Amino acid sequence: MKVHVDQELCQGHGRCYAVAPEVFDADEIGNGVERGDGTVAAEQESAARLAVANCPENAITIEEAS
């Protein structure tokens, strides 16, 4: 799976990188960004889903692997 943070929606609450620091990071102003190309390791999928569920702006989307 892959995650993507929509920078137009993100308000910098930081929940994503607090919940899943292996998947998300903060940019220079504190908004969440996906690490690398957004690919999530299998062992981090649960944390990534929790981060998505905790984003108050619904700024994170998941693309399931096909």
C-alpha atoms as a PDB file:
ATOM      1  CA  MET A   1       0.000   0.000   0.000  1.00  0.00           C
ATOM      2  CA  LYS A   2       0.949   3.637  -0.424  1.00  0.00           C
ATOM      3  CA  VAL A   3      -0.096   6.750   1.471  1.00  0.00           C
ATOM      4  CA  HIS A   4      -0.326  10.326   0.284  1.00  0.00           C
ATOM      5  CA  VAL A   5      -0.807  13.546   2.257  1.00  0.00           C
ATOM      6  CA  ASP A   6      -2.783  16.234   0.427  1.00  0.00           C
ATOM      7  CA  GLN A   7      -0.901  19.444   1.215  1.00  0.00           C
ATOM      8  CA  GLU A   8      -3.964  21.524   0.346  1.00  0.00           C
ATOM      9  CA  LEU A   9      -5.908  19.878   3.183  1.00  0.00           C
ATOM     10  CA  CYS A  10      -3.216  19.302   5.819  1.00  0.00           C
ATOM     11  CA  GLN A  11      -3.350  21.781   8.702  1.00  0.00           C
ATOM     12  CA  GLY A  12      -0.277  20.516  10.564  1.00  0.00           C
ATOM     13  CA  HIS A  13      -1.939  18.789  13.510  1.00  0.00           C
ATOM     14  CA  GLY A  14       0.915  16.259  13.461  1.00  0.00           C
ATOM     15  CA  ARG A  15      -1.153  13.234  14.354  1.00  0.00           C
ATOM     16  CA  CYS A  16       0.106  11.232  11.388  1.00  0.00           C
ATOM     17  CA  TYR A  17       3.788  11.492  12.268  1.00  0.00           C
ATOM     18  CA  ALA A  18       3.013  11.107  15.980  1.00  0.00           C
ATOM     19  CA  VAL A  19       1.143   7.843  15.361  1.00  0.00           C
ATOM     20  CA  ALA A  20       3.270   6.454  12.513  1.00  0.00           C
ATOM     21  CA  PRO A  21       6.710   8.118  12.476  1.00  0.00           C
ATOM     22  CA  GLU A  22       8.089   5.367  10.236  1.00  0.00           C
ATOM     23  CA  VAL A  23       5.537   6.310   7.556  1.00  0.00           C
ATOM     24  CA  PHE A  24       5.111  10.089   7.965  1.00  0.00           C
ATOM     25  CA  ASP A  25       7.360  13.028   8.713  1.00  0.00           C
ATOM     26  CA  ALA A  26       6.922  16.779   9.175  1.00  0.00           C
ATOM     27  CA  ASP A  27       7.891  19.336   6.571  1.00  0.00           C
ATOM     28  CA  GLU A  28       9.574  22.659   7.402  1.00  0.00           C
ATOM     29  CA  ILE A  29       6.306  24.199   8.655  1.00  0.00           C
ATOM     30  CA  GLY A  30       5.022  21.159  10.545  1.00  0.00           C
ATOM     31  CA  ASN A  31       2.637  19.728   7.972  1.00  0.00           C
ATOM     32  CA  GLY A  32       2.626  15.977   7.535  1.00  0.00           C
ATOM     33  CA  VAL A  33       4.343  14.413   4.549  1.00  0.00           C
ATOM     34  CA  GLU A  34       4.768  10.819   3.524  1.00  0.00           C
ATOM     35  CA  ARG A  35       8.278   9.404   3.818  1.00  0.00           C
ATOM     36  CA  GLY A  36       9.921   8.495   0.532  1.00  0.00           C
ATOM     37  CA  ASP A  37       7.445   7.665  -2.188  1.00  0.00           C
ATOM     38  CA  GLY A  38       4.733   6.807   0.342  1.00  0.00           C
ATOM     39  CA  THR A  39       5.198   3.045   0.177  1.00  0.00           C
ATOM     40  CA  VAL A  40       4.257   1.455   3.494  1.00  0.00           C
ATOM     41  CA  ALA A  41       6.056  -1.651   4.734  1.00  0.00           C
ATOM     42  CA  ALA A  42       3.716  -4.513   5.641  1.00  0.00           C
ATOM     43  CA  GLU A  43       4.571  -4.235   9.340  1.00  0.00           C
ATOM     44  CA  GLN A  44       3.622  -0.515   9.311  1.00  0.00           C
ATOM     45  CA  GLU A  45       0.232  -0.842   7.587  1.00  0.00           C
ATOM     46  CA  SER A  46      -1.725  -0.899  10.835  1.00  0.00           C
ATOM     47  CA  ALA A  47      -0.012   2.275  12.093  1.00  0.00           C
ATOM     48  CA  ALA A  48      -0.570   3.972   8.719  1.00  0.00           C
ATOM     49  CA  ARG A  49      -4.292   3.148   8.832  1.00  0.00           C
ATOM     50  CA  LEU A  50      -4.492   4.485  12.388  1.00  0.00           C
ATOM     51  CA  ALA A  51      -2.844   7.727  11.249  1.00  0.00           C
ATOM     52  CA  VAL A  52      -5.360   8.047   8.404  1.00  0.00           C
ATOM     53  CA  ALA A  53      -8.240   7.496  10.822  1.00  0.00           C
ATOM     54  CA  ASN A  54      -6.849  10.150  13.191  1.00  0.00           C
ATOM     55  CA  CYS A  55      -6.342  12.901  10.611  1.00  0.00           C
ATOM     56  CA  PRO A  56      -8.953  15.573  11.455  1.00  0.00           C
ATOM     57  CA  GLU A  57      -8.701  17.078   7.970  1.00  0.00           C
ATOM     58  CA  ASN A  58      -8.984  13.735   6.098  1.00  0.00           C
ATOM     59  CA  ALA A  59      -5.840  14.795   4.259  1.00  0.00           C
ATOM     60  CA  ILE A  60      -4.331  11.319   3.936  1.00  0.00           C
ATOM     61  CA  THR A  61      -5.344   8.787   1.308  1.00  0.00           C
ATOM     62  CA  ILE A  62      -4.373   5.139   0.975  1.00  0.00           C
ATOM     63  CA  GLU A  63      -3.741   3.412  -2.320  1.00  0.00           C
ATOM     64  CA  GLU A  64      -4.041  -0.332  -1.903  1.00  0.00           C
ATOM     65  CA  ALA A  65      -1.599  -2.522  -3.788  1.00  0.00           C
ATOM     66  CA  SER A  66      -3.220  -4.435  -6.601  1.00  0.00           C
END
